Structures are given as structure tokens and as C-alpha cells.
Amino acid sequence: MRLGAIPREWAELGIFTAAAFLLYQLGALFFLMSVPLLFLGFKRGREVLLYAVGVLLVLVLLQVLLRVRGMEDAVLRRFFFILDFSYPLAILTGVVCIFWGKGRVLYRLLTATAVVVLIGLPVAGVYSGNQEVAGFLKKQVELVIETLKASMNGAASTEGALLFSALDADTMYEMIVHLFVNNYVFSFFLVISAGWLIADRIYSRYTGKLPFILLDFHVPEILLWPVLGTWTGVLLDTAVGIPVVGFLFWNYGMILLFIFALQGVAILKSLFRQYGVSQFIRTLVVFSAVLILMTPRINLVLIVGVPLLGLSEIWVRYRAVDSA
């Protein structure tokens, strides 16, 4: 059959679905699989997007099944199937939420994170206490530590060898799990937001429409209360520990910190423009900020200060309020 005989929207559906599946295969770039789907949704609407998501879901499911079918242990086979399938499923769920959600894009992105949490909680509940899975993962951590120790036994690596000699598999395993759980939803928010931003830029160039402009970004004042609530929860979890739901405070606390940091950057850009700061000075400020972020402890000035600047716009009007 000639390509011209295929309806244009179905040809595009196949092309963009194939592009998303190809990006999924590219290891470190797999998170970009949302970009072709979002572009397709912008161009062809929700119905065509839903077909593409369904096809891609089946393809990913089949690939993951083929990848884990050789594992003999049934518990580990199910665990690694869920582990491999969960993140692409989360990204596809996020894409659907962006097009079926209500309100501004920011609210739809936050809705996507909530849906991902609801999907992931039952799975986490089943496997968090599974001794077989925990034992296998600790064994892998132990092998990594032993490899690192062996590679640092040379004379030039004495300090590194001493550092890793103090590590044990249980401590490292608990640290990795803690970091993963407390940042999983936040990392998903960054991934799906980056996908939307890239797709929005590409589609805006394609159509000639105005893309998202950080300078006009305003955080709704209603998010003040979630910020206060989540970071109060973070402080409580740090001080006394909050079982079961403590990770939610960390994840959403980081998400809201990032959102207000974006507003803080937007305020700085607006002030630079308002006072006619030269491009050289702006570049110097950015370079200095990067250096500060790479410096332990001192980087807290920016990590805390920029979001606080964004938060302060609730009371101090640095810019004219817009609907952007």
C-alpha cells in the first residue's frame, strides 16, 4: 500500500509512536519518549494521542515480558517486570493526564504526579517487606561495593579505599532506598515537565505560536499552603520520622520548592530587564550561580534563597500579574 493511501493522521500516529518507542530504547534518553506523544497530542488531539499511548503501552509491555522471561525465580521475575514497566507506564500516564486534566498545565502536571503515586503505592506495599527481593538487591549492592574497594586498592587511591572500607551493604542499601523513595515522584515531575516544555517549544516553532515564557511564569497563591504543609512534614519526618507517608512530604516539598524556584528565576530575569542589566553581567551572574551550586553548604544560599524569592512575590509584587 502506498503511503499516500494511508490517512495522514494515521501515518503521523505511526511515525510519532515509532519515534517514542525508539527513544525508549536509548537508555539514558528514554525519558524523552513523552516528547513525540505530546507533539502528536498538540497536533492531532486527544483521541489520536490515546491510540498512540495504547499502542506504545503494548509494545513496551511485550518488550519487558521478553526481557524478564528468562529469570527462574518467580518472585524476582515479577519484581523486575514491575520495575522495568513502572517508569514508562508513569510517563505515559503523565502524558494522558496533561491532555485530560483540568486547569492550567501546572495543575495537570501535579495531577499526573498524584496519579503515579496512587498507581505505585500498592506495588510498593507488596514488595517493601519482601525478604527475597531485599536480599537480592543487598547482594547486588555488596558486589558493587566490593568492586569499588578492589579498584581503589592502589597507592594513589588510599583515601578512597579507606572510605569504601567503612561501607557495608546494609547501610548503603538503606541509603539508596531512602534516596529513591524520597525523590521518585519529584524526578517524575521533572521528567514529564521537561517533556512538555520540549514538545511545547517544538510545536510552537512548527505553528508559529508563542511558546511558554519563563519571564511570565506566576505560581498561584493557593500553593502557599501546600508549601507550608509539605515542609512542615519534612521537618517532622527529619526530627521524629513519619511512617508510611513521610516520603510524600519529601517528594512534594521538592516539587513545590522547584516550582517557586522557577518563579524566583523569572523575577530575577524581570528585574534584570527592568533595570537594563547588560548581557555580560547576566552571563557572569549565571556562571557565578553555577559555581555556588557546586559548592557544598554555600549552595544553600541559592537552593533556599531563590525559592524564597519566588514565594515572596505573594506579598511583594515584583511584576505585573498575568495569566501565564
C-alpha atoms as a PDB file:
ATOM      1  CA  MET A   1       0.000   0.000   0.000  1.00  0.00           C
ATOM      2  CA  ARG A   2       1.325   3.433  -0.882  1.00  0.00           C
ATOM      3  CA  LEU A   3       1.928   5.889   1.963  1.00  0.00           C
ATOM      4  CA  GLY A   4      -0.334   8.381   0.188  1.00  0.00           C
ATOM      5  CA  ALA A   5      -3.245   5.938   0.506  1.00  0.00           C
ATOM      6  CA  ILE A   6      -2.991   5.986   4.312  1.00  0.00           C
ATOM      7  CA  PRO A   7      -4.939   8.779   6.068  1.00  0.00           C
ATOM      8  CA  ARG A   8      -2.493  11.471   7.168  1.00  0.00           C
ATOM      9  CA  GLU A   9      -3.398  11.326  10.846  1.00  0.00           C
ATOM     10  CA  TRP A  10      -2.835   7.553  10.976  1.00  0.00           C
ATOM     11  CA  ALA A  11       0.507   7.924   9.215  1.00  0.00           C
ATOM     12  CA  GLU A  12       1.518  10.524  11.796  1.00  0.00           C
ATOM     13  CA  LEU A  13       0.269   8.289  14.581  1.00  0.00           C
ATOM     14  CA  GLY A  14       2.589   5.511  13.372  1.00  0.00           C
ATOM     15  CA  ILE A  15       5.567   7.833  12.901  1.00  0.00           C
ATOM     16  CA  PHE A  16       5.324   9.524  16.304  1.00  0.00           C
ATOM     17  CA  THR A  17       4.594   6.269  18.128  1.00  0.00           C
ATOM     18  CA  ALA A  18       7.651   4.688  16.494  1.00  0.00           C
ATOM     19  CA  ALA A  19       9.739   7.729  17.475  1.00  0.00           C
ATOM     20  CA  ALA A  20       8.585   7.433  21.093  1.00  0.00           C
ATOM     21  CA  PHE A  21       9.391   3.711  21.142  1.00  0.00           C
ATOM     22  CA  LEU A  22      12.826   4.387  19.648  1.00  0.00           C
ATOM     23  CA  LEU A  23      13.588   6.983  22.316  1.00  0.00           C
ATOM     24  CA  TYR A  24      12.537   4.446  24.952  1.00  0.00           C
ATOM     25  CA  GLN A  25      15.304   2.164  23.628  1.00  0.00           C
ATOM     26  CA  LEU A  26      18.024   4.796  24.038  1.00  0.00           C
ATOM     27  CA  GLY A  27      18.855   4.157  27.676  1.00  0.00           C
ATOM     28  CA  ALA A  28      19.619   7.496  29.320  1.00  0.00           C
ATOM     29  CA  LEU A  29      17.320   9.329  26.868  1.00  0.00           C
ATOM     30  CA  PHE A  30      14.276   7.125  27.437  1.00  0.00           C
ATOM     31  CA  PHE A  31      12.528   9.916  29.387  1.00  0.00           C
ATOM     32  CA  LEU A  32      12.203  11.833  26.093  1.00  0.00           C
ATOM     33  CA  MET A  33       9.653   9.267  24.891  1.00  0.00           C
ATOM     34  CA  SER A  34       6.936  11.678  26.027  1.00  0.00           C
ATOM     35  CA  VAL A  35       8.007  14.396  23.539  1.00  0.00           C
ATOM     36  CA  PRO A  36       6.697  12.778  20.281  1.00  0.00           C
ATOM     37  CA  LEU A  37       3.468  11.801  22.039  1.00  0.00           C
ATOM     38  CA  LEU A  38       2.883  15.297  23.410  1.00  0.00           C
ATOM     39  CA  PHE A  39       3.607  16.822  19.992  1.00  0.00           C
ATOM     40  CA  LEU A  40       1.123  14.373  18.433  1.00  0.00           C
ATOM     41  CA  GLY A  41      -1.461  15.368  21.036  1.00  0.00           C
ATOM     42  CA  PHE A  42      -0.941  19.073  20.346  1.00  0.00           C
ATOM     43  CA  LYS A  43      -1.275  18.470  16.599  1.00  0.00           C
ATOM     44  CA  ARG A  44      -3.977  15.816  16.341  1.00  0.00           C
ATOM     45  CA  GLY A  45      -5.887  15.950  19.595  1.00  0.00           C
ATOM     46  CA  ARG A  46      -6.658  13.608  22.447  1.00  0.00           C
ATOM     47  CA  GLU A  47      -8.265  10.760  20.529  1.00  0.00           C
ATOM     48  CA  VAL A  48      -5.282  10.123  18.240  1.00  0.00           C
ATOM     49  CA  LEU A  49      -2.950  10.524  21.232  1.00  0.00           C
ATOM     50  CA  LEU A  50      -4.877   7.843  23.128  1.00  0.00           C
ATOM     51  CA  TYR A  51      -4.405   5.385  20.265  1.00  0.00           C
ATOM     52  CA  ALA A  52      -0.653   6.127  20.236  1.00  0.00           C
ATOM     53  CA  VAL A  53      -0.361   5.660  24.008  1.00  0.00           C
ATOM     54  CA  GLY A  54      -2.250   2.353  23.789  1.00  0.00           C
ATOM     55  CA  VAL A  55      -0.009   1.009  21.015  1.00  0.00           C
ATOM     56  CA  LEU A  56       3.151   2.120  22.799  1.00  0.00           C
ATOM     57  CA  LEU A  57       1.947   0.589  26.052  1.00  0.00           C
ATOM     58  CA  VAL A  58       1.501  -2.790  24.345  1.00  0.00           C
ATOM     59  CA  LEU A  59       4.941  -2.585  22.703  1.00  0.00           C
ATOM     60  CA  VAL A  60       6.689  -1.715  25.964  1.00  0.00           C
ATOM     61  CA  LEU A  61       4.777  -4.432  27.812  1.00  0.00           C
ATOM     62  CA  LEU A  62       5.823  -7.085  25.289  1.00  0.00           C
ATOM     63  CA  GLN A  63       9.450  -5.965  25.394  1.00  0.00           C
ATOM     64  CA  VAL A  64       9.605  -6.065  29.191  1.00  0.00           C
ATOM     65  CA  LEU A  65       7.981  -9.511  29.224  1.00  0.00           C
ATOM     66  CA  LEU A  66      10.608 -10.810  26.792  1.00  0.00           C
ATOM     67  CA  ARG A  67      13.371  -9.221  28.865  1.00  0.00           C
ATOM     68  CA  VAL A  68      12.442 -10.918  32.162  1.00  0.00           C
ATOM     69  CA  ARG A  69      11.057 -14.244  30.941  1.00  0.00           C
ATOM     70  CA  GLY A  70      14.458 -15.953  31.328  1.00  0.00           C
ATOM     71  CA  MET A  71      14.597 -15.378  35.097  1.00  0.00           C
ATOM     72  CA  GLU A  72      13.934 -18.591  37.000  1.00  0.00           C
ATOM     73  CA  ASP A  73      12.806 -17.153  40.321  1.00  0.00           C
ATOM     74  CA  ALA A  74       9.118 -16.184  40.018  1.00  0.00           C
ATOM     75  CA  VAL A  75       9.211 -13.506  42.739  1.00  0.00           C
ATOM     76  CA  LEU A  76      12.231 -11.757  41.248  1.00  0.00           C
ATOM     77  CA  ARG A  77      10.787 -12.116  37.753  1.00  0.00           C
ATOM     78  CA  ARG A  78       7.606 -10.304  38.812  1.00  0.00           C
ATOM     79  CA  PHE A  79       9.605  -7.681  40.708  1.00  0.00           C
ATOM     80  CA  PHE A  80      11.867  -6.811  37.769  1.00  0.00           C
ATOM     81  CA  PHE A  81       8.909  -6.849  35.401  1.00  0.00           C
ATOM     82  CA  ILE A  82       7.178  -4.233  37.550  1.00  0.00           C
ATOM     83  CA  LEU A  83      10.413  -2.280  37.990  1.00  0.00           C
ATOM     84  CA  ASP A  84      11.075  -2.146  34.219  1.00  0.00           C
ATOM     85  CA  PHE A  85       7.480  -1.386  33.320  1.00  0.00           C
ATOM     86  CA  SER A  86       6.675   1.161  36.032  1.00  0.00           C
ATOM     87  CA  TYR A  87       8.582   4.184  34.742  1.00  0.00           C
ATOM     88  CA  PRO A  88       7.429   4.076  31.088  1.00  0.00           C
ATOM     89  CA  LEU A  89       3.918   3.458  32.447  1.00  0.00           C
ATOM     90  CA  ALA A  90       4.307   6.531  34.667  1.00  0.00           C
ATOM     91  CA  ILE A  91       5.438   8.683  31.721  1.00  0.00           C
ATOM     92  CA  LEU A  92       2.532   7.522  29.543  1.00  0.00           C
ATOM     93  CA  THR A  93       0.132   8.163  32.420  1.00  0.00           C
ATOM     94  CA  GLY A  94       1.577  11.659  32.750  1.00  0.00           C
ATOM     95  CA  VAL A  95       1.041  12.338  29.050  1.00  0.00           C
ATOM     96  CA  VAL A  96      -2.606  11.286  29.326  1.00  0.00           C
ATOM     97  CA  CYS A  97      -3.111  13.439  32.443  1.00  0.00           C
ATOM     98  CA  ILE A  98      -1.729  16.512  30.649  1.00  0.00           C
ATOM     99  CA  PHE A  99      -4.395  16.208  27.944  1.00  0.00           C
ATOM    100  CA  TRP A 100      -7.309  15.006  30.086  1.00  0.00           C
ATOM    101  CA  GLY A 101      -6.643  17.134  33.168  1.00  0.00           C
ATOM    102  CA  LYS A 102      -8.360  20.406  34.001  1.00  0.00           C
ATOM    103  CA  GLY A 103      -6.959  23.899  34.506  1.00  0.00           C
ATOM    104  CA  ARG A 104      -3.525  25.272  33.710  1.00  0.00           C
ATOM    105  CA  VAL A 105      -0.641  22.993  32.743  1.00  0.00           C
ATOM    106  CA  LEU A 106       0.962  23.278  36.192  1.00  0.00           C
ATOM    107  CA  TYR A 107      -2.130  21.759  37.821  1.00  0.00           C
ATOM    108  CA  ARG A 108      -2.220  18.961  35.234  1.00  0.00           C
ATOM    109  CA  LEU A 109       1.435  18.124  35.891  1.00  0.00           C
ATOM    110  CA  LEU A 110       0.730  17.954  39.628  1.00  0.00           C
ATOM    111  CA  THR A 111      -2.303  15.770  38.923  1.00  0.00           C
ATOM    112  CA  ALA A 112      -0.079  13.413  36.941  1.00  0.00           C
ATOM    113  CA  THR A 113       2.245  13.016  39.944  1.00  0.00           C
ATOM    114  CA  ALA A 114      -0.736  12.224  42.187  1.00  0.00           C
ATOM    115  CA  VAL A 115      -1.964   9.537  39.773  1.00  0.00           C
ATOM    116  CA  VAL A 116       1.521   7.994  39.635  1.00  0.00           C
ATOM    117  CA  VAL A 117       1.612   7.845  43.445  1.00  0.00           C
ATOM    118  CA  LEU A 118      -1.766   6.069  43.512  1.00  0.00           C
ATOM    119  CA  ILE A 119      -0.502   3.539  40.951  1.00  0.00           C
ATOM    120  CA  GLY A 120       2.790   2.958  42.743  1.00  0.00           C
ATOM    121  CA  LEU A 121       1.606   2.648  46.353  1.00  0.00           C
ATOM    122  CA  PRO A 122       0.087  -0.872  46.054  1.00  0.00           C
ATOM    123  CA  VAL A 123       3.237  -2.153  44.332  1.00  0.00           C
ATOM    124  CA  ALA A 124       5.480  -0.585  46.985  1.00  0.00           C
ATOM    125  CA  GLY A 125       3.306  -2.109  49.704  1.00  0.00           C
ATOM    126  CA  VAL A 126       3.695  -5.607  48.252  1.00  0.00           C
ATOM    127  CA  TYR A 127       7.461  -5.542  47.725  1.00  0.00           C
ATOM    128  CA  SER A 128       8.717  -3.253  50.514  1.00  0.00           C
ATOM    129  CA  GLY A 129       8.691  -6.091  53.027  1.00  0.00           C
ATOM    130  CA  ASN A 130       9.656  -8.922  50.681  1.00  0.00           C
ATOM    131  CA  GLN A 131      12.800 -10.522  52.112  1.00  0.00           C
ATOM    132  CA  GLU A 132      13.718 -12.304  48.885  1.00  0.00           C
ATOM    133  CA  VAL A 133      13.715  -9.083  46.863  1.00  0.00           C
ATOM    134  CA  ALA A 134      15.542  -7.154  49.607  1.00  0.00           C
ATOM    135  CA  GLY A 135      18.151  -9.904  49.914  1.00  0.00           C
ATOM    136  CA  PHE A 136      18.792  -9.941  46.175  1.00  0.00           C
ATOM    137  CA  LEU A 137      19.169  -6.147  45.999  1.00  0.00           C
ATOM    138  CA  LYS A 138      21.505  -6.093  49.005  1.00  0.00           C
ATOM    139  CA  LYS A 139      23.612  -8.744  47.311  1.00  0.00           C
ATOM    140  CA  GLN A 140      23.926  -6.540  44.233  1.00  0.00           C
ATOM    141  CA  VAL A 141      24.902  -3.544  46.387  1.00  0.00           C
ATOM    142  CA  GLU A 142      27.501  -5.688  48.152  1.00  0.00           C
ATOM    143  CA  LEU A 143      29.010  -6.729  44.801  1.00  0.00           C
ATOM    144  CA  VAL A 144      29.228  -3.079  43.724  1.00  0.00           C
ATOM    145  CA  ILE A 145      30.940  -2.088  46.985  1.00  0.00           C
ATOM    146  CA  GLU A 146      33.449  -4.937  46.689  1.00  0.00           C
ATOM    147  CA  THR A 147      34.220  -3.914  43.098  1.00  0.00           C
ATOM    148  CA  LEU A 148      34.787  -0.305  44.167  1.00  0.00           C
ATOM    149  CA  LYS A 149      37.025  -1.387  47.027  1.00  0.00           C
ATOM    150  CA  ALA A 150      39.086  -3.569  44.703  1.00  0.00           C
ATOM    151  CA  SER A 151      39.505  -0.735  42.198  1.00  0.00           C
ATOM    152  CA  MET A 152      40.766   1.658  44.899  1.00  0.00           C
ATOM    153  CA  ASN A 153      43.394  -0.538  46.497  1.00  0.00           C
ATOM    154  CA  GLY A 154      46.233   1.152  44.592  1.00  0.00           C
ATOM    155  CA  ALA A 155      48.678   3.522  46.265  1.00  0.00           C
ATOM    156  CA  ALA A 156      47.094   6.537  44.586  1.00  0.00           C
ATOM    157  CA  SER A 157      43.671   5.567  45.916  1.00  0.00           C
ATOM    158  CA  THR A 158      44.449   5.107  49.616  1.00  0.00           C
ATOM    159  CA  GLU A 159      41.886   7.657  50.841  1.00  0.00           C
ATOM    160  CA  GLY A 160      39.192   6.227  48.566  1.00  0.00           C
ATOM    161  CA  ALA A 161      39.952   2.709  49.743  1.00  0.00           C
ATOM    162  CA  LEU A 162      39.663   3.786  53.395  1.00  0.00           C
ATOM    163  CA  LEU A 163      36.350   5.481  52.671  1.00  0.00           C
ATOM    164  CA  PHE A 164      34.817   2.428  50.988  1.00  0.00           C
ATOM    165  CA  SER A 165      36.254   0.032  53.569  1.00  0.00           C
ATOM    166  CA  ALA A 166      33.907   1.634  56.116  1.00  0.00           C
ATOM    167  CA  LEU A 167      30.840   0.926  53.954  1.00  0.00           C
ATOM    168  CA  ASP A 168      28.618  -2.085  54.428  1.00  0.00           C
ATOM    169  CA  ALA A 169      25.897  -3.406  52.155  1.00  0.00           C
ATOM    170  CA  ASP A 170      23.023  -2.885  54.609  1.00  0.00           C
ATOM    171  CA  THR A 171      23.841   0.777  55.235  1.00  0.00           C
ATOM    172  CA  MET A 172      24.337   1.511  51.542  1.00  0.00           C
ATOM    173  CA  TYR A 173      21.136  -0.338  50.643  1.00  0.00           C
ATOM    174  CA  GLU A 174      19.092   1.656  53.163  1.00  0.00           C
ATOM    175  CA  MET A 175      20.631   4.891  51.883  1.00  0.00           C
ATOM    176  CA  ILE A 176      19.820   4.072  48.245  1.00  0.00           C
ATOM    177  CA  VAL A 177      16.235   3.069  49.074  1.00  0.00           C
ATOM    178  CA  HIS A 178      15.770   6.228  51.142  1.00  0.00           C
ATOM    179  CA  LEU A 179      17.046   8.474  48.344  1.00  0.00           C
ATOM    180  CA  PHE A 180      14.987   6.663  45.702  1.00  0.00           C
ATOM    181  CA  VAL A 181      11.729   6.747  47.646  1.00  0.00           C
ATOM    182  CA  ASN A 182      12.122  10.384  48.725  1.00  0.00           C
ATOM    183  CA  ASN A 183      12.871  11.574  45.179  1.00  0.00           C
ATOM    184  CA  TYR A 184      10.911   9.230  42.885  1.00  0.00           C
ATOM    185  CA  VAL A 185       7.834  11.433  42.424  1.00  0.00           C
ATOM    186  CA  PHE A 186       9.989  14.576  42.217  1.00  0.00           C
ATOM    187  CA  SER A 187      12.144  13.036  39.475  1.00  0.00           C
ATOM    188  CA  PHE A 188       8.990  12.031  37.598  1.00  0.00           C
ATOM    189  CA  PHE A 189       7.697  15.608  37.840  1.00  0.00           C
ATOM    190  CA  LEU A 190      10.971  16.896  36.365  1.00  0.00           C
ATOM    191  CA  VAL A 191      10.867  14.315  33.553  1.00  0.00           C
ATOM    192  CA  ILE A 192       7.265  14.920  32.496  1.00  0.00           C
ATOM    193  CA  SER A 193       7.671  18.712  32.828  1.00  0.00           C
ATOM    194  CA  ALA A 194      10.821  18.651  30.671  1.00  0.00           C
ATOM    195  CA  GLY A 195       8.989  16.555  28.069  1.00  0.00           C
ATOM    196  CA  TRP A 196       6.094  19.012  27.971  1.00  0.00           C
ATOM    197  CA  LEU A 197       8.450  22.013  27.703  1.00  0.00           C
ATOM    198  CA  ILE A 198      10.434  20.491  24.809  1.00  0.00           C
ATOM    199  CA  ALA A 199       7.265  19.449  22.972  1.00  0.00           C
ATOM    200  CA  ASP A 200       5.737  22.905  23.530  1.00  0.00           C
ATOM    201  CA  ARG A 201       8.839  24.609  22.092  1.00  0.00           C
ATOM    202  CA  ILE A 202       8.912  22.336  19.028  1.00  0.00           C
ATOM    203  CA  TYR A 203       5.169  22.688  18.382  1.00  0.00           C
ATOM    204  CA  SER A 204       5.327  26.475  18.834  1.00  0.00           C
ATOM    205  CA  ARG A 205       8.063  26.699  16.215  1.00  0.00           C
ATOM    206  CA  TYR A 206       6.074  24.412  13.933  1.00  0.00           C
ATOM    207  CA  THR A 207       2.903  26.516  14.195  1.00  0.00           C
ATOM    208  CA  GLY A 208       4.390  29.942  14.846  1.00  0.00           C
ATOM    209  CA  LYS A 209       2.554  30.265  18.174  1.00  0.00           C
ATOM    210  CA  LEU A 210       4.035  31.830  21.292  1.00  0.00           C
ATOM    211  CA  PRO A 211       5.770  29.180  23.461  1.00  0.00           C
ATOM    212  CA  PHE A 212       5.959  29.029  27.253  1.00  0.00           C
ATOM    213  CA  ILE A 213       7.988  32.014  28.513  1.00  0.00           C
ATOM    214  CA  LEU A 214       9.588  31.730  31.955  1.00  0.00           C
ATOM    215  CA  LEU A 215       9.547  35.522  32.335  1.00  0.00           C
ATOM    216  CA  ASP A 216       5.729  35.413  32.538  1.00  0.00           C
ATOM    217  CA  PHE A 217       5.518  32.439  34.890  1.00  0.00           C
ATOM    218  CA  HIS A 218       3.454  33.073  38.033  1.00  0.00           C
ATOM    219  CA  VAL A 219       2.726  30.495  40.721  1.00  0.00           C
ATOM    220  CA  PRO A 220      -0.868  30.567  42.053  1.00  0.00           C
ATOM    221  CA  GLU A 221      -1.073  31.998  45.571  1.00  0.00           C
ATOM    222  CA  ILE A 222      -3.108  28.985  46.679  1.00  0.00           C
ATOM    223  CA  LEU A 223       0.086  26.895  46.571  1.00  0.00           C
ATOM    224  CA  LEU A 224       1.405  28.780  49.608  1.00  0.00           C
ATOM    225  CA  TRP A 225      -0.476  26.419  51.924  1.00  0.00           C
ATOM    226  CA  PRO A 226       0.803  23.197  50.344  1.00  0.00           C
ATOM    227  CA  VAL A 227       4.354  24.592  50.633  1.00  0.00           C
ATOM    228  CA  LEU A 228       3.916  25.292  54.335  1.00  0.00           C
ATOM    229  CA  GLY A 229       2.271  21.901  54.893  1.00  0.00           C
ATOM    230  CA  THR A 230       4.808  19.799  52.993  1.00  0.00           C
ATOM    231  CA  TRP A 231       7.878  21.420  54.515  1.00  0.00           C
ATOM    232  CA  THR A 232       6.386  21.182  57.988  1.00  0.00           C
ATOM    233  CA  GLY A 233       6.010  17.466  57.229  1.00  0.00           C
ATOM    234  CA  VAL A 234       9.638  17.298  56.029  1.00  0.00           C
ATOM    235  CA  LEU A 235      10.862  18.848  59.279  1.00  0.00           C
ATOM    236  CA  LEU A 236       8.750  16.441  61.323  1.00  0.00           C
ATOM    237  CA  ASP A 237       9.985  13.462  59.302  1.00  0.00           C
ATOM    238  CA  THR A 238      13.584  14.584  59.842  1.00  0.00           C
ATOM    239  CA  ALA A 239      13.077  15.112  63.582  1.00  0.00           C
ATOM    240  CA  VAL A 240      10.887  12.191  64.654  1.00  0.00           C
ATOM    241  CA  GLY A 241      10.082  10.206  61.499  1.00  0.00           C
ATOM    242  CA  ILE A 242       6.694   9.878  59.829  1.00  0.00           C
ATOM    243  CA  PRO A 243       5.995   6.276  58.801  1.00  0.00           C
ATOM    244  CA  VAL A 244       4.259   5.333  55.534  1.00  0.00           C
ATOM    245  CA  VAL A 245       3.542   8.859  54.224  1.00  0.00           C
ATOM    246  CA  GLY A 246       6.815  10.618  55.089  1.00  0.00           C
ATOM    247  CA  PHE A 247       8.090  10.195  51.529  1.00  0.00           C
ATOM    248  CA  LEU A 248       5.131  12.210  50.202  1.00  0.00           C
ATOM    249  CA  PHE A 249       6.230  15.266  52.176  1.00  0.00           C
ATOM    250  CA  TRP A 250       9.757  14.984  50.759  1.00  0.00           C
ATOM    251  CA  ASN A 251       8.644  14.485  47.161  1.00  0.00           C
ATOM    252  CA  TYR A 252       6.007  17.212  47.070  1.00  0.00           C
ATOM    253  CA  GLY A 253       8.170  19.501  49.171  1.00  0.00           C
ATOM    254  CA  MET A 254      10.887  19.242  46.499  1.00  0.00           C
ATOM    255  CA  ILE A 255       8.350  19.723  43.697  1.00  0.00           C
ATOM    256  CA  LEU A 256       6.949  22.890  45.257  1.00  0.00           C
ATOM    257  CA  LEU A 257      10.454  24.151  46.036  1.00  0.00           C
ATOM    258  CA  PHE A 258      11.336  23.706  42.370  1.00  0.00           C
ATOM    259  CA  ILE A 259       8.150  25.466  41.202  1.00  0.00           C
ATOM    260  CA  PHE A 260       8.808  28.504  43.387  1.00  0.00           C
ATOM    261  CA  ALA A 261      12.470  28.450  42.320  1.00  0.00           C
ATOM    262  CA  LEU A 262      11.256  28.857  38.729  1.00  0.00           C
ATOM    263  CA  GLN A 263       9.244  31.872  39.835  1.00  0.00           C
ATOM    264  CA  GLY A 264      12.327  33.214  41.633  1.00  0.00           C
ATOM    265  CA  VAL A 265      14.379  32.908  38.416  1.00  0.00           C
ATOM    266  CA  ALA A 266      11.551  34.609  36.492  1.00  0.00           C
ATOM    267  CA  ILE A 267      11.628  37.503  38.983  1.00  0.00           C
ATOM    268  CA  LEU A 268      15.401  37.887  38.576  1.00  0.00           C
ATOM    269  CA  LYS A 269      15.074  37.878  34.779  1.00  0.00           C
ATOM    270  CA  SER A 270      12.341  40.510  35.033  1.00  0.00           C
ATOM    271  CA  LEU A 271      14.430  42.710  37.343  1.00  0.00           C
ATOM    272  CA  PHE A 272      17.445  42.384  35.041  1.00  0.00           C
ATOM    273  CA  ARG A 273      15.304  43.578  32.143  1.00  0.00           C
ATOM    274  CA  GLN A 274      13.654  46.320  34.208  1.00  0.00           C
ATOM    275  CA  TYR A 275      16.992  47.817  35.297  1.00  0.00           C
ATOM    276  CA  GLY A 276      18.766  47.295  31.980  1.00  0.00           C
ATOM    277  CA  VAL A 277      21.421  44.843  33.211  1.00  0.00           C
ATOM    278  CA  SER A 278      23.838  44.074  30.384  1.00  0.00           C
ATOM    279  CA  GLN A 279      24.152  40.624  28.835  1.00  0.00           C
ATOM    280  CA  PHE A 280      27.730  40.355  30.131  1.00  0.00           C
ATOM    281  CA  ILE A 281      26.613  40.880  33.736  1.00  0.00           C
ATOM    282  CA  ARG A 282      23.771  38.397  33.284  1.00  0.00           C
ATOM    283  CA  THR A 283      26.192  35.760  31.968  1.00  0.00           C
ATOM    284  CA  LEU A 284      28.534  36.462  34.883  1.00  0.00           C
ATOM    285  CA  VAL A 285      25.661  36.028  37.365  1.00  0.00           C
ATOM    286  CA  VAL A 286      24.682  32.695  35.798  1.00  0.00           C
ATOM    287  CA  PHE A 287      28.293  31.472  35.836  1.00  0.00           C
ATOM    288  CA  SER A 288      28.664  32.507  39.495  1.00  0.00           C
ATOM    289  CA  ALA A 289      25.387  30.763  40.381  1.00  0.00           C
ATOM    290  CA  VAL A 290      26.656  27.526  38.818  1.00  0.00           C
ATOM    291  CA  LEU A 291      29.865  27.746  40.859  1.00  0.00           C
ATOM    292  CA  ILE A 292      27.886  28.378  44.048  1.00  0.00           C
ATOM    293  CA  LEU A 293      25.580  25.418  43.353  1.00  0.00           C
ATOM    294  CA  MET A 294      28.654  23.179  43.070  1.00  0.00           C
ATOM    295  CA  THR A 295      29.974  24.333  46.461  1.00  0.00           C
ATOM    296  CA  PRO A 296      28.632  22.349  49.450  1.00  0.00           C
ATOM    297  CA  ARG A 297      26.870  24.354  52.172  1.00  0.00           C
ATOM    298  CA  ILE A 298      27.286  27.660  50.357  1.00  0.00           C
ATOM    299  CA  ASN A 299      24.898  26.332  47.688  1.00  0.00           C
ATOM    300  CA  LEU A 300      22.111  26.510  50.285  1.00  0.00           C
ATOM    301  CA  VAL A 301      22.089  30.263  49.681  1.00  0.00           C
ATOM    302  CA  LEU A 302      20.664  29.617  46.209  1.00  0.00           C
ATOM    303  CA  ILE A 303      18.787  26.377  46.921  1.00  0.00           C
ATOM    304  CA  VAL A 304      16.784  28.125  49.645  1.00  0.00           C
ATOM    305  CA  GLY A 305      17.107  31.769  48.609  1.00  0.00           C
ATOM    306  CA  VAL A 306      15.756  31.580  45.038  1.00  0.00           C
ATOM    307  CA  PRO A 307      12.559  29.672  46.003  1.00  0.00           C
ATOM    308  CA  LEU A 308      12.048  32.120  48.894  1.00  0.00           C
ATOM    309  CA  LEU A 309      12.338  34.979  46.412  1.00  0.00           C
ATOM    310  CA  GLY A 310       9.659  33.309  44.314  1.00  0.00           C
ATOM    311  CA  LEU A 311       7.500  32.743  47.375  1.00  0.00           C
ATOM    312  CA  SER A 312       7.864  36.387  48.444  1.00  0.00           C
ATOM    313  CA  GLU A 313       6.017  37.539  45.314  1.00  0.00           C
ATOM    314  CA  ILE A 314       2.820  36.530  47.084  1.00  0.00           C
ATOM    315  CA  TRP A 315       3.307  39.661  49.202  1.00  0.00           C
ATOM    316  CA  VAL A 316       5.695  41.797  47.116  1.00  0.00           C
ATOM    317  CA  ARG A 317       4.583  42.460  43.522  1.00  0.00           C
ATOM    318  CA  TYR A 318       7.839  42.496  41.563  1.00  0.00           C
ATOM    319  CA  ARG A 319       5.977  42.074  38.253  1.00  0.00           C
ATOM    320  CA  ALA A 320       2.525  42.721  36.857  1.00  0.00           C
ATOM    321  CA  VAL A 321       0.322  39.675  37.456  1.00  0.00           C
ATOM    322  CA  ASP A 322      -0.506  37.871  34.219  1.00  0.00           C
ATOM    323  CA  SER A 323      -2.453  34.738  33.400  1.00  0.00           C
ATOM    324  CA  ALA A 324       0.633  32.987  32.033  1.00  0.00           C
END
